[in-house]
Structures are given as C-alpha cells and as structure tokens.
Amino acid sequence: MAVRSFAEEREWQPFHTPKNLAMALAGEVGELLAELQWLTPEQSAAVMADELAGARIRAEIGDVTIYLVRLAEVLGIDLVDAATEKLADSARRYPVGRSRGSAAKAPQ
C-alpha cells in the first residue's frame, strides 16, 4: 500500500506501465549486482559486515523490492501467492532425494 500511495501522490501512474516497471526493476537488480560483481564468494557472504558496503546493498535491495511490489500491484499479482505457488512447483521439480547437493537444472 505504501508503494502505491507513494506513486499516486506523485501522479506517476501513467509512467508505471508493466514494461517500464520491469525495465526499472532490471536496472535496480543491475545496480545490486554491481555491488557484488567483483567480490569473491567469501567477500560476498561477508559484505554486510562492512558498514558502507552493507548500506549500499540494503539500499539496492530496497529499490528492487519497491519496483517488484509496484509491478505486482500494477499487474494484480499477489506476491505471497505467486511465491507460494512457485515454491510448490519447485518442490515438485526438485525433490530432495534427487536434488540435494546438486545445482543441475530440472527438465521443464
């Protein structure tokens, strides 16, 4: 609700088309990725221990979340329902016995 109100108060609805929001979301994901891109796996796992780097990561995740929430609002998608359905589908595609310890992609 806060995200919708923020956009409505500024009369940004004409600009918040699914395409524009998806593009903005991708851009913000890119900014998040840029914060982690050249870190080693160990450095990326410990990034939040660095106050400045952690603040940048937190801000980028905030941006990603805002655009994802707004995109879902515009499309009429309940994010919790969509994630729950996707997790159930993934559980079927990646049963524990066959998938434990493996990063192999399941067939469609």
N, C-alpha and C. Protein backbone atom coordinates (compact mmCIF):
# COMPACT_ATOMS: atom_id res chain seq x y z
N MET A 1 0.81 -1.20 0.00
CA MET A 1 0.00 0.00 0.00
C MET A 1 0.85 1.26 0.00
N ALA A 2 1.91 1.28 0.77
CA ALA A 2 2.75 2.47 0.84
C ALA A 2 3.38 2.78 -0.51
N VAL A 3 3.75 1.73 -1.25
CA VAL A 3 4.36 1.95 -2.56
C VAL A 3 3.34 2.55 -3.51
N ARG A 4 2.13 2.01 -3.51
CA ARG A 4 1.07 2.55 -4.37
C ARG A 4 0.77 3.99 -4.00
N SER A 5 0.63 4.28 -2.72
CA SER A 5 0.35 5.65 -2.27
C SER A 5 1.46 6.60 -2.68
N PHE A 6 2.70 6.16 -2.55
CA PHE A 6 3.84 6.99 -2.94
C PHE A 6 3.73 7.38 -4.41
N ALA A 7 3.42 6.41 -5.27
CA ALA A 7 3.29 6.68 -6.71
C ALA A 7 2.07 7.55 -7.01
N GLU A 8 0.95 7.25 -6.36
CA GLU A 8 -0.28 8.00 -6.62
C GLU A 8 -0.17 9.46 -6.19
N GLU A 9 0.46 9.71 -5.05
CA GLU A 9 0.64 11.08 -4.57
C GLU A 9 1.43 11.93 -5.56
N ARG A 10 2.28 11.29 -6.33
CA ARG A 10 3.12 11.99 -7.31
C ARG A 10 2.55 11.91 -8.72
N GLU A 11 1.39 11.26 -8.85
CA GLU A 11 0.71 11.07 -10.13
C GLU A 11 1.63 10.40 -11.15
N TRP A 12 2.28 9.34 -10.71
CA TRP A 12 3.20 8.60 -11.57
C TRP A 12 2.54 7.43 -12.29
N GLN A 13 1.23 7.21 -12.07
CA GLN A 13 0.56 6.06 -12.67
C GLN A 13 0.78 5.96 -14.19
N PRO A 14 0.74 7.08 -14.95
CA PRO A 14 0.94 6.95 -16.40
C PRO A 14 2.31 6.37 -16.77
N PHE A 15 3.27 6.54 -15.90
CA PHE A 15 4.62 6.05 -16.19
C PHE A 15 4.85 4.63 -15.67
N HIS A 16 3.96 4.18 -14.80
CA HIS A 16 4.13 2.87 -14.17
C HIS A 16 3.41 1.78 -14.96
N THR A 17 3.83 1.64 -16.21
CA THR A 17 3.32 0.53 -17.03
C THR A 17 4.13 -0.71 -16.68
N PRO A 18 3.59 -1.90 -16.95
CA PRO A 18 4.36 -3.11 -16.66
C PRO A 18 5.74 -3.09 -17.32
N LYS A 19 5.82 -2.65 -18.57
CA LYS A 19 7.11 -2.61 -19.27
C LYS A 19 8.08 -1.68 -18.56
N ASN A 20 7.64 -0.47 -18.25
CA ASN A 20 8.53 0.50 -17.60
C ASN A 20 8.98 0.02 -16.22
N LEU A 21 8.06 -0.57 -15.47
CA LEU A 21 8.41 -1.06 -14.15
C LEU A 21 9.37 -2.24 -14.23
N ALA A 22 9.15 -3.13 -15.19
CA ALA A 22 10.06 -4.27 -15.35
C ALA A 22 11.45 -3.79 -15.75
N MET A 23 11.51 -2.79 -16.62
CA MET A 23 12.81 -2.25 -17.02
C MET A 23 13.51 -1.58 -15.83
N ALA A 24 12.76 -0.83 -15.05
CA ALA A 24 13.34 -0.18 -13.87
C ALA A 24 13.80 -1.23 -12.85
N LEU A 25 13.02 -2.29 -12.70
CA LEU A 25 13.40 -3.39 -11.80
C LEU A 25 14.71 -4.02 -12.26
N ALA A 26 14.82 -4.27 -13.55
CA ALA A 26 16.05 -4.86 -14.09
C ALA A 26 17.25 -3.93 -13.84
N GLY A 27 17.04 -2.64 -14.00
CA GLY A 27 18.11 -1.68 -13.74
C GLY A 27 18.55 -1.71 -12.29
N GLU A 28 17.60 -1.80 -11.38
CA GLU A 28 17.95 -1.84 -9.96
C GLU A 28 18.64 -3.15 -9.60
N VAL A 29 18.22 -4.26 -10.21
CA VAL A 29 18.91 -5.53 -9.99
C VAL A 29 20.34 -5.41 -10.49
N GLY A 30 20.53 -4.72 -11.61
CA GLY A 30 21.88 -4.49 -12.12
C GLY A 30 22.73 -3.69 -11.14
N GLU A 31 22.14 -2.69 -10.50
CA GLU A 31 22.87 -1.91 -9.51
C GLU A 31 23.25 -2.76 -8.30
N LEU A 32 22.35 -3.65 -7.89
CA LEU A 32 22.66 -4.59 -6.81
C LEU A 32 23.80 -5.51 -7.22
N LEU A 33 23.71 -6.03 -8.42
CA LEU A 33 24.76 -6.91 -8.92
C LEU A 33 26.11 -6.20 -8.98
N ALA A 34 26.10 -4.94 -9.37
CA ALA A 34 27.35 -4.18 -9.45
C ALA A 34 28.05 -4.09 -8.10
N GLU A 35 27.28 -4.08 -7.03
CA GLU A 35 27.87 -4.03 -5.68
C GLU A 35 28.58 -5.33 -5.33
N LEU A 36 28.19 -6.43 -5.95
CA LEU A 36 28.73 -7.75 -5.61
C LEU A 36 29.63 -8.34 -6.68
N GLN A 37 29.61 -7.75 -7.86
CA GLN A 37 30.20 -8.35 -9.06
C GLN A 37 31.62 -8.85 -8.90
N TRP A 38 32.50 -8.08 -8.35
CA TRP A 38 33.91 -8.45 -8.33
C TRP A 38 34.35 -8.99 -6.98
N LEU A 39 33.42 -9.29 -6.11
CA LEU A 39 33.77 -9.87 -4.82
C LEU A 39 33.96 -11.37 -4.96
N THR A 40 34.82 -11.92 -4.13
CA THR A 40 34.94 -13.37 -4.08
C THR A 40 33.68 -13.92 -3.40
N PRO A 41 33.43 -15.22 -3.52
CA PRO A 41 32.29 -15.79 -2.80
C PRO A 41 32.36 -15.49 -1.30
N GLU A 42 33.54 -15.56 -0.74
CA GLU A 42 33.71 -15.30 0.69
C GLU A 42 33.42 -13.83 1.02
N GLN A 43 33.91 -12.93 0.19
CA GLN A 43 33.65 -11.50 0.41
C GLN A 43 32.16 -11.19 0.29
N SER A 44 31.51 -11.79 -0.70
CA SER A 44 30.08 -11.52 -0.87
C SER A 44 29.27 -12.05 0.31
N ALA A 45 29.70 -13.17 0.88
CA ALA A 45 28.99 -13.72 2.04
C ALA A 45 29.14 -12.84 3.27
N ALA A 46 30.22 -12.06 3.33
CA ALA A 46 30.50 -11.22 4.49
C ALA A 46 30.25 -9.73 4.22
N VAL A 47 29.63 -9.40 3.11
CA VAL A 47 29.51 -8.00 2.70
C VAL A 47 28.78 -7.14 3.73
N MET A 48 27.83 -7.70 4.44
CA MET A 48 27.05 -6.90 5.39
C MET A 48 27.86 -6.51 6.63
N ALA A 49 29.01 -7.14 6.82
CA ALA A 49 29.88 -6.78 7.95
C ALA A 49 30.57 -5.44 7.72
N ASP A 50 30.66 -5.03 6.46
CA ASP A 50 31.24 -3.73 6.12
C ASP A 50 30.11 -2.70 6.13
N GLU A 51 30.20 -1.73 7.01
CA GLU A 51 29.10 -0.78 7.21
C GLU A 51 28.69 -0.07 5.92
N LEU A 52 29.65 0.46 5.17
CA LEU A 52 29.32 1.21 3.95
C LEU A 52 28.80 0.29 2.85
N ALA A 53 29.48 -0.82 2.63
CA ALA A 53 29.03 -1.75 1.59
C ALA A 53 27.67 -2.32 1.96
N GLY A 54 27.48 -2.64 3.23
CA GLY A 54 26.19 -3.17 3.68
C GLY A 54 25.06 -2.17 3.47
N ALA A 55 25.34 -0.90 3.71
CA ALA A 55 24.32 0.14 3.50
C ALA A 55 23.95 0.24 2.02
N ARG A 56 24.94 0.12 1.14
CA ARG A 56 24.66 0.17 -0.30
C ARG A 56 23.82 -1.04 -0.73
N ILE A 57 24.17 -2.22 -0.24
CA ILE A 57 23.41 -3.43 -0.56
C ILE A 57 21.98 -3.29 -0.07
N ARG A 58 21.82 -2.84 1.16
CA ARG A 58 20.49 -2.66 1.74
C ARG A 58 19.65 -1.68 0.90
N ALA A 59 20.26 -0.59 0.48
CA ALA A 59 19.54 0.40 -0.34
C ALA A 59 19.13 -0.19 -1.68
N GLU A 60 20.02 -0.94 -2.31
CA GLU A 60 19.68 -1.54 -3.61
C GLU A 60 18.60 -2.60 -3.46
N ILE A 61 18.65 -3.39 -2.40
CA ILE A 61 17.59 -4.37 -2.18
C ILE A 61 16.27 -3.66 -1.91
N GLY A 62 16.32 -2.52 -1.24
CA GLY A 62 15.12 -1.72 -1.05
C GLY A 62 14.54 -1.26 -2.38
N ASP A 63 15.41 -0.77 -3.27
CA ASP A 63 14.95 -0.35 -4.60
C ASP A 63 14.33 -1.51 -5.37
N VAL A 64 15.00 -2.66 -5.35
CA VAL A 64 14.48 -3.85 -6.06
C VAL A 64 13.11 -4.21 -5.51
N THR A 65 12.98 -4.20 -4.20
CA THR A 65 11.71 -4.56 -3.57
C THR A 65 10.60 -3.59 -3.96
N ILE A 66 10.90 -2.31 -3.94
CA ILE A 66 9.89 -1.31 -4.30
C ILE A 66 9.38 -1.53 -5.72
N TYR A 67 10.29 -1.70 -6.67
CA TYR A 67 9.86 -1.90 -8.05
C TYR A 67 9.12 -3.22 -8.24
N LEU A 68 9.55 -4.28 -7.54
CA LEU A 68 8.85 -5.56 -7.64
C LEU A 68 7.44 -5.45 -7.07
N VAL A 69 7.31 -4.82 -5.93
CA VAL A 69 5.99 -4.64 -5.32
C VAL A 69 5.09 -3.81 -6.24
N ARG A 70 5.62 -2.74 -6.79
CA ARG A 70 4.82 -1.88 -7.67
C ARG A 70 4.41 -2.62 -8.94
N LEU A 71 5.33 -3.38 -9.52
CA LEU A 71 5.00 -4.16 -10.71
C LEU A 71 3.90 -5.16 -10.41
N ALA A 72 4.00 -5.84 -9.29
CA ALA A 72 2.96 -6.80 -8.91
C ALA A 72 1.63 -6.10 -8.70
N GLU A 73 1.64 -4.93 -8.07
CA GLU A 73 0.41 -4.16 -7.87
C GLU A 73 -0.25 -3.84 -9.20
N VAL A 74 0.53 -3.32 -10.13
CA VAL A 74 0.00 -2.91 -11.43
C VAL A 74 -0.58 -4.10 -12.19
N LEU A 75 0.07 -5.26 -12.05
CA LEU A 75 -0.39 -6.46 -12.76
C LEU A 75 -1.46 -7.24 -11.99
N GLY A 76 -1.76 -6.83 -10.77
CA GLY A 76 -2.76 -7.53 -9.97
C GLY A 76 -2.28 -8.88 -9.45
N ILE A 77 -1.00 -8.99 -9.18
CA ILE A 77 -0.42 -10.24 -8.70
C ILE A 77 -0.17 -10.13 -7.20
N ASP A 78 -0.65 -11.11 -6.46
CA ASP A 78 -0.35 -11.20 -5.03
C ASP A 78 1.02 -11.87 -4.91
N LEU A 79 2.00 -11.13 -4.43
CA LEU A 79 3.37 -11.64 -4.38
C LEU A 79 3.50 -12.89 -3.50
N VAL A 80 2.83 -12.91 -2.37
CA VAL A 80 2.93 -14.08 -1.49
C VAL A 80 2.33 -15.30 -2.16
N ASP A 81 1.17 -15.14 -2.81
CA ASP A 81 0.56 -16.26 -3.52
C ASP A 81 1.46 -16.74 -4.65
N ALA A 82 2.01 -15.81 -5.42
CA ALA A 82 2.88 -16.17 -6.55
C ALA A 82 4.11 -16.92 -6.06
N ALA A 83 4.72 -16.45 -4.98
CA ALA A 83 5.91 -17.12 -4.44
C ALA A 83 5.56 -18.48 -3.87
N THR A 84 4.43 -18.59 -3.21
CA THR A 84 4.00 -19.87 -2.65
C THR A 84 3.77 -20.89 -3.76
N GLU A 85 3.09 -20.46 -4.82
CA GLU A 85 2.85 -21.35 -5.96
C GLU A 85 4.16 -21.77 -6.62
N LYS A 86 5.07 -20.84 -6.79
CA LYS A 86 6.36 -21.14 -7.42
C LYS A 86 7.18 -22.09 -6.56
N LEU A 87 7.16 -21.89 -5.26
CA LEU A 87 7.90 -22.77 -4.36
C LEU A 87 7.34 -24.20 -4.41
N ALA A 88 6.02 -24.32 -4.47
CA ALA A 88 5.40 -25.65 -4.58
C ALA A 88 5.80 -26.31 -5.90
N ASP A 89 5.81 -25.55 -6.98
CA ASP A 89 6.24 -26.08 -8.28
C ASP A 89 7.70 -26.51 -8.23
N SER A 90 8.54 -25.70 -7.61
CA SER A 90 9.97 -26.05 -7.49
C SER A 90 10.17 -27.29 -6.64
N ALA A 91 9.36 -27.46 -5.61
CA ALA A 91 9.46 -28.66 -4.77
C ALA A 91 9.14 -29.91 -5.59
N ARG A 92 8.20 -29.81 -6.52
CA ARG A 92 7.87 -30.95 -7.40
C ARG A 92 9.01 -31.20 -8.39
N ARG A 93 9.57 -30.14 -8.94
CA ARG A 93 10.63 -30.28 -9.95
C ARG A 93 11.97 -30.67 -9.35
N TYR A 94 12.18 -30.33 -8.11
CA TYR A 94 13.45 -30.60 -7.44
C TYR A 94 13.22 -31.36 -6.14
N PRO A 95 12.80 -32.62 -6.22
CA PRO A 95 12.60 -33.39 -4.98
C PRO A 95 13.92 -33.52 -4.22
N VAL A 96 13.83 -33.52 -2.92
CA VAL A 96 15.01 -33.53 -2.07
C VAL A 96 15.95 -34.68 -2.43
N GLY A 97 15.42 -35.87 -2.58
CA GLY A 97 16.26 -37.03 -2.84
C GLY A 97 17.08 -36.93 -4.11
N ARG A 98 16.56 -36.26 -5.11
CA ARG A 98 17.26 -36.14 -6.39
C ARG A 98 18.07 -34.85 -6.50
N SER A 99 17.76 -33.88 -5.68
CA SER A 99 18.35 -32.55 -5.86
C SER A 99 19.35 -32.15 -4.78
N ARG A 100 19.38 -32.85 -3.68
CA ARG A 100 20.27 -32.46 -2.57
C ARG A 100 21.71 -32.38 -3.06
N GLY A 101 22.34 -31.23 -2.83
CA GLY A 101 23.75 -31.05 -3.18
C GLY A 101 24.02 -30.86 -4.65
N SER A 102 22.99 -30.72 -5.47
CA SER A 102 23.16 -30.58 -6.92
C SER A 102 22.58 -29.25 -7.39
N ALA A 103 23.30 -28.58 -8.28
CA ALA A 103 22.80 -27.34 -8.87
C ALA A 103 22.26 -27.57 -10.28
N ALA A 104 22.09 -28.83 -10.66
CA ALA A 104 21.61 -29.16 -12.01
C ALA A 104 20.18 -28.66 -12.19
N LYS A 105 19.92 -28.10 -13.37
CA LYS A 105 18.58 -27.59 -13.70
C LYS A 105 17.67 -28.77 -14.01
N ALA A 106 16.47 -28.72 -13.49
CA ALA A 106 15.48 -29.77 -13.74
C ALA A 106 14.89 -29.58 -15.13
N PRO A 107 14.51 -30.66 -15.78
CA PRO A 107 13.84 -30.52 -17.08
C PRO A 107 12.48 -29.85 -16.91
N GLN A 108 12.07 -29.13 -17.93
CA GLN A 108 10.76 -28.47 -17.90
C GLN A 108 9.72 -29.53 -18.06
